[in-house]
N, C-alpha and C. Protein backbone atom coordinates (compact mmCIF):
# COMPACT_ATOMS: atom_id res chain seq x y z
N MET A 1 0.64 -1.28 -0.08
CA MET A 1 -0.09 0.21 -0.10
C MET A 1 0.78 1.26 -0.11
N LYS A 2 0.34 2.13 -0.74
CA LYS A 2 1.35 3.34 -0.70
C LYS A 2 0.62 4.58 -0.02
N ASP A 3 1.49 5.00 0.81
CA ASP A 3 1.24 6.92 1.33
C ASP A 3 0.88 7.84 0.73
N TYR A 4 0.48 9.04 0.62
CA TYR A 4 0.39 9.69 -0.14
C TYR A 4 1.01 11.16 0.62
N ALA A 5 1.31 12.86 0.13
CA ALA A 5 1.27 13.27 0.75
C ALA A 5 0.86 14.66 -0.08
N ILE A 6 -0.27 15.38 0.61
CA ILE A 6 -0.61 16.61 -0.27
C ILE A 6 0.02 17.41 0.44
N VAL A 7 0.60 18.29 -0.67
CA VAL A 7 1.32 19.47 -0.16
C VAL A 7 0.50 20.81 -0.42
N PHE A 8 0.56 21.83 0.53
CA PHE A 8 0.14 23.07 0.67
C PHE A 8 1.38 24.20 1.12
N SER A 9 0.79 25.26 0.76
CA SER A 9 2.20 26.40 0.43
C SER A 9 2.34 26.97 2.18
N SER A 10 1.25 26.83 2.73
CA SER A 10 1.21 26.98 4.05
C SER A 10 0.80 26.29 5.13
N PHE A 11 0.71 26.60 6.65
CA PHE A 11 0.29 25.77 7.55
C PHE A 11 -1.24 26.13 7.83
N TYR A 12 -1.19 27.10 7.30
CA TYR A 12 -2.81 27.74 7.54
C TYR A 12 -3.53 26.78 6.35
N LYS A 13 -3.33 26.76 5.49
CA LYS A 13 -4.44 26.10 4.51
C LYS A 13 -4.26 24.46 4.41
N ALA A 14 -2.90 23.86 4.80
CA ALA A 14 -3.24 22.36 5.16
C ALA A 14 -3.71 22.19 6.51
N ALA A 15 -4.28 22.96 7.54
CA ALA A 15 -4.75 22.85 8.86
C ALA A 15 -6.04 22.90 8.45
N TYR A 16 -6.73 23.96 7.27
CA TYR A 16 -8.24 24.18 6.61
C TYR A 16 -8.51 22.92 6.11
N ALA A 17 -7.60 22.21 4.98
CA ALA A 17 -7.95 21.06 4.90
C ALA A 17 -8.36 20.08 5.65
N ARG A 18 -7.00 20.08 6.39
CA ARG A 18 -7.03 18.81 7.73
C ARG A 18 -8.43 18.54 8.77
N ASP A 19 -9.29 20.03 8.61
CA ASP A 19 -10.19 20.34 9.29
C ASP A 19 -11.86 19.81 8.50
N LEU A 20 -11.47 20.10 7.24
CA LEU A 20 -12.58 19.74 6.11
C LEU A 20 -12.62 18.44 6.05
N LEU A 21 -11.25 17.47 5.88
CA LEU A 21 -10.88 16.14 5.78
C LEU A 21 -11.97 15.06 6.86
N GLN A 22 -11.28 16.01 8.14
CA GLN A 22 -12.11 15.45 9.16
C GLN A 22 -13.00 15.35 9.55
N ALA A 23 -14.37 16.08 9.11
CA ALA A 23 -15.13 16.54 9.30
C ALA A 23 -16.21 15.13 8.27
N GLN A 24 -15.48 14.69 7.03
CA GLN A 24 -16.03 13.76 6.71
C GLN A 24 -15.66 12.79 6.77
N ARG A 25 -14.92 12.07 8.43
CA ARG A 25 -14.45 11.22 8.67
C ARG A 25 -13.78 10.36 7.85
N ILE A 26 -12.43 11.28 7.26
CA ILE A 26 -11.01 11.11 6.76
C ILE A 26 -9.85 11.80 7.70
N TRP A 27 -9.06 10.55 8.45
CA TRP A 27 -8.18 11.07 9.74
C TRP A 27 -7.01 11.06 8.54
N PRO A 28 -6.39 12.45 8.22
CA PRO A 28 -5.13 12.56 7.51
C PRO A 28 -4.10 13.66 8.51
N SER A 29 -2.79 12.74 8.87
CA SER A 29 -1.73 13.14 9.58
C SER A 29 -0.92 14.52 9.16
N MET A 30 -0.61 15.41 9.72
CA MET A 30 -0.54 16.59 9.38
C MET A 30 1.17 17.24 9.73
N GLY A 31 1.46 17.79 8.60
CA GLY A 31 3.64 17.98 9.05
C GLY A 31 4.05 18.56 8.16
N LYS A 32 5.40 19.44 8.81
CA LYS A 32 5.72 20.14 7.62
C LYS A 32 6.61 19.15 6.63
N ILE A 33 6.74 19.39 5.23
CA ILE A 33 7.45 18.28 4.08
C ILE A 33 8.82 18.94 4.37
N PRO A 34 9.81 17.37 4.25
CA PRO A 34 10.74 17.75 4.48
C PRO A 34 11.37 18.17 3.54
N ALA A 35 12.59 19.50 3.87
CA ALA A 35 13.33 19.38 2.38
C ALA A 35 13.90 19.07 1.44
N SER A 36 14.11 17.23 1.35
CA SER A 36 14.50 16.83 0.69
C SER A 36 13.52 16.51 -0.28
N MET A 37 12.10 16.41 -0.31
CA MET A 37 11.21 16.40 -0.86
C MET A 37 10.31 17.21 -2.11
N MET A 38 11.13 18.61 -1.35
CA MET A 38 10.40 19.44 -2.30
C MET A 38 11.72 20.48 -1.79
N LYS A 39 11.47 21.66 -3.18
CA LYS A 39 12.57 23.02 -3.09
C LYS A 39 11.98 23.67 -2.20
N SER A 40 10.98 23.74 -2.21
CA SER A 40 10.26 25.06 -1.40
C SER A 40 9.37 24.40 0.37
N CYS A 41 9.74 25.77 1.26
CA CYS A 41 9.09 24.88 2.32
C CYS A 41 7.14 24.58 2.23
N GLY A 42 6.88 23.70 2.94
CA GLY A 42 5.43 23.93 3.47
C GLY A 42 4.95 22.16 4.29
N TYR A 43 3.40 22.74 4.18
CA TYR A 43 3.09 21.44 4.66
C TYR A 43 1.94 20.59 4.13
N ALA A 44 1.88 19.35 4.55
CA ALA A 44 1.30 18.55 3.93
C ALA A 44 0.75 17.75 4.52
N LEU A 45 -0.56 17.08 4.04
CA LEU A 45 -1.46 15.94 4.84
C LEU A 45 -1.15 14.82 4.71
N TYR A 46 -0.58 13.79 5.22
CA TYR A 46 -0.01 12.51 4.74
C TYR A 46 -1.53 11.69 4.74
N LEU A 47 -1.47 10.83 3.98
CA LEU A 47 -2.70 9.75 3.82
C LEU A 47 -2.24 8.18 3.43
N GLU A 48 -3.28 7.81 3.60
CA GLU A 48 -2.77 6.27 2.83
C GLU A 48 -3.84 6.30 1.65
N GLU A 49 -3.68 5.05 0.89
CA GLU A 49 -3.94 4.91 -0.57
C GLU A 49 -5.25 4.91 -0.66
N PRO A 50 -6.13 3.89 0.32
CA PRO A 50 -7.69 3.76 0.60
C PRO A 50 -8.37 5.44 0.35
N SER A 51 -7.91 6.24 1.09
CA SER A 51 -8.70 7.26 1.39
C SER A 51 -8.25 8.59 0.58
N MET A 52 -7.00 8.79 -0.44
CA MET A 52 -6.61 9.47 -1.25
C MET A 52 -7.45 9.82 -2.33
N GLU A 53 -8.43 9.08 -2.77
CA GLU A 53 -8.67 9.61 -3.77
C GLU A 53 -10.26 10.20 -3.67
N ALA A 54 -10.95 9.89 -2.24
CA ALA A 54 -12.19 10.68 -1.47
C ALA A 54 -11.33 12.12 -1.29
N ALA A 55 -10.16 12.11 -0.96
CA ALA A 55 -9.85 13.25 0.31
C ALA A 55 -9.42 14.09 -1.01
N LEU A 56 -8.67 14.05 -1.82
CA LEU A 56 -8.68 15.39 -3.31
C LEU A 56 -10.33 15.34 -3.36
N GLU A 57 -10.93 14.79 -3.83
CA GLU A 57 -12.69 15.24 -4.25
C GLU A 57 -13.14 15.81 -3.27
N ILE A 58 -12.94 15.81 -2.13
CA ILE A 58 -13.67 16.61 -0.76
C ILE A 58 -12.77 17.97 -1.46
N LEU A 59 -11.48 18.15 -1.10
CA LEU A 59 -11.00 19.09 -1.53
C LEU A 59 -11.52 19.64 -2.53
N LYS A 60 -11.42 19.01 -3.92
CA LYS A 60 -11.93 19.81 -4.98
C LYS A 60 -13.12 20.30 -4.97
N ARG A 61 -14.46 19.73 -4.58
CA ARG A 61 -15.50 20.06 -3.71
C ARG A 61 -15.45 21.52 -3.33
N LYS A 62 -15.03 21.86 -2.13
CA LYS A 62 -14.98 22.89 -1.46
C LYS A 62 -13.93 24.09 -1.92
N ASP A 63 -12.97 23.71 -3.00
CA ASP A 63 -11.89 24.85 -3.90
C ASP A 63 -10.89 25.11 -3.04
N VAL A 64 -10.48 23.50 -2.64
CA VAL A 64 -9.15 24.15 -1.66
C VAL A 64 -8.04 23.40 -2.77
N SER A 65 -7.33 24.82 -2.79
CA SER A 65 -5.73 23.71 -3.83
C SER A 65 -4.73 24.07 -2.93
N TRP A 66 -3.84 22.50 -3.57
CA TRP A 66 -2.91 22.17 -2.96
C TRP A 66 -1.67 22.44 -4.11
N LYS A 67 -0.48 22.59 -3.41
CA LYS A 67 0.67 22.11 -4.42
C LYS A 67 0.74 21.44 -5.52
N GLU A 68 1.35 19.94 -4.75
CA GLU A 68 0.92 18.56 -5.40
C GLU A 68 0.51 18.00 -4.70
N VAL A 69 0.46 16.62 -5.19
CA VAL A 69 0.73 15.41 -4.57
C VAL A 69 1.45 14.21 -4.79
N LEU A 70 2.53 14.00 -3.56
CA LEU A 70 3.46 12.97 -3.74
C LEU A 70 3.55 11.84 -3.23
N SER A 71 3.93 10.63 -3.95
CA SER A 71 3.82 9.51 -3.47
C SER A 71 4.75 8.73 -2.60
N ILE A 72 4.88 8.49 -1.38
CA ILE A 72 5.50 7.89 -0.60
C ILE A 72 5.83 6.30 -0.50
N SER A 73 7.26 6.15 -0.24
CA SER A 73 7.21 4.39 -0.17
C SER A 73 6.98 4.07 0.83
N ASN A 74 6.33 3.30 1.45
CA ASN A 74 6.50 2.82 3.14
C ASN A 74 6.97 1.55 3.39
N SER A 75 7.16 0.88 4.53
CA SER A 75 7.98 0.13 4.69
C SER A 75 7.01 -1.50 5.17
N ARG A 76 5.33 -1.10 5.00
CA ARG A 76 4.56 -1.68 5.39
C ARG A 76 3.60 -2.64 3.76
N GLY A 77 4.36 -2.46 2.76
CA GLY A 77 3.83 -3.53 1.58
C GLY A 77 3.68 -2.47 0.27
């Protein structure tokens, strides 16, 4: 299973998106994106693959924009 990071330009945008998703029972974790993954700083919501598509649809419906979506390897398979 893959993990994903939805990258936002600021803490406030990421926190707003997190709150919208939690209201729909999607529980992302939030944190600063590592500098090794991006050229600029930013914050990301981290999600597992099963909830990724639904999360992006919710954010699109609410007109919440993000910088990019990154696929992250994990050790769970």
